[in-house]
Amino acid sequence: SAPGRFADYFVICGLDTETGLEPDELSGENFEQTPLRRTFKSKVLARYPENVEWNPFDQDAVGMLCMPKGLAFKTQADSREPQFHSFIITREDGSRTFGFSLTFFEEVTSKQICSAMQTLYHMHNAEYDILHAPPTNDKESCSSTGDCNGTSVSKLQRFNSYDISRDTLYVSKCICLITPMSFMKACKKVLEQLHQAVTSPQPPPLPLESYIYNILYEVPLPPAGRSLKFSGVYGPIICQRPSTSELPLFDFPVKEVFELLGVENVVQLFTCALLEFQILLYSQ
């Protein structure tokens, strides 16, 4: 039987510098997009522990669900706020395991990756110029007026948005906890504090490995009807497990549902659920 651990795995997903930039087939053909708007294949870079017998590690599922849109690249001109999301892996026997991911951006230090992105931009701009080149007569007429220069410059400004000599390239990366129960708020705090420790100029009180080992091996699941308090990197983290006589654990803020859907849509969804209608939620 599975021991009562708070978390089973700590996972890191992101860019594999050895394989380089691989198009993400799951996101479809997106070669018409500029290279910074395309998605590239992410991979599981590390996990700890390697495997636990009561919860075998599903590398393909975890890798896809940690970064469902694949790798994203940005420059210093783009917003790079961390994003948090959760997911569920349901096995054939109906058992579930829960995942909580914090995706952030870090600077690309590999010169090969930066050069590859620059090359993709050169190819993209060249293809754009060929596809959108004006007819010969237009070229002759505009060359006499000098209007073509302005058009070509605007094209370069629009599409050549990464210059290896001028811009700093950033790529998305993800840290994740795989857990047997859905303690969303606690897992979010753990991941945010770990990310803060990595990005802070001051080192954390203990090595990061100590905190990861603690969450995986020393923090137990709280018994039914009890709460649990344990230490994070920068402060205490508290979670509570309902008793058997209470409603099942649901650690997600219902407020967000109303903010995203609106009161009328929530009431309509609730009505459909009571009437046992089939409900499909479609989202970007």
Foldseek 3Di string as FASTA:
>chain_A
DDFQAFFAKKWKKWDDVVVAFAADPVVPDDLLDFLQPGATAMATPDMPPPADPVDGDDRVVCRCVQCVRHKHKDWPVDDWDKDKDKDWDADPVRAIKIKIKIKTKDFDPDPVNLVVSQVSLVVSLVVVCVVPPDDPVVVVVCVVVVPVVVVSVVSCVVRVPDDSVPIIMMMMMMIMTMGRDCQPVQRVVQVVLLVCQVPPPDHFPDPPVVQVCCSNPPHGNDPAQDKDWDDHRPGIGIDHAHHPVDDHDDNDDVVVVCVVQNPVRVVVVVVCVVVVHDDDDDDD
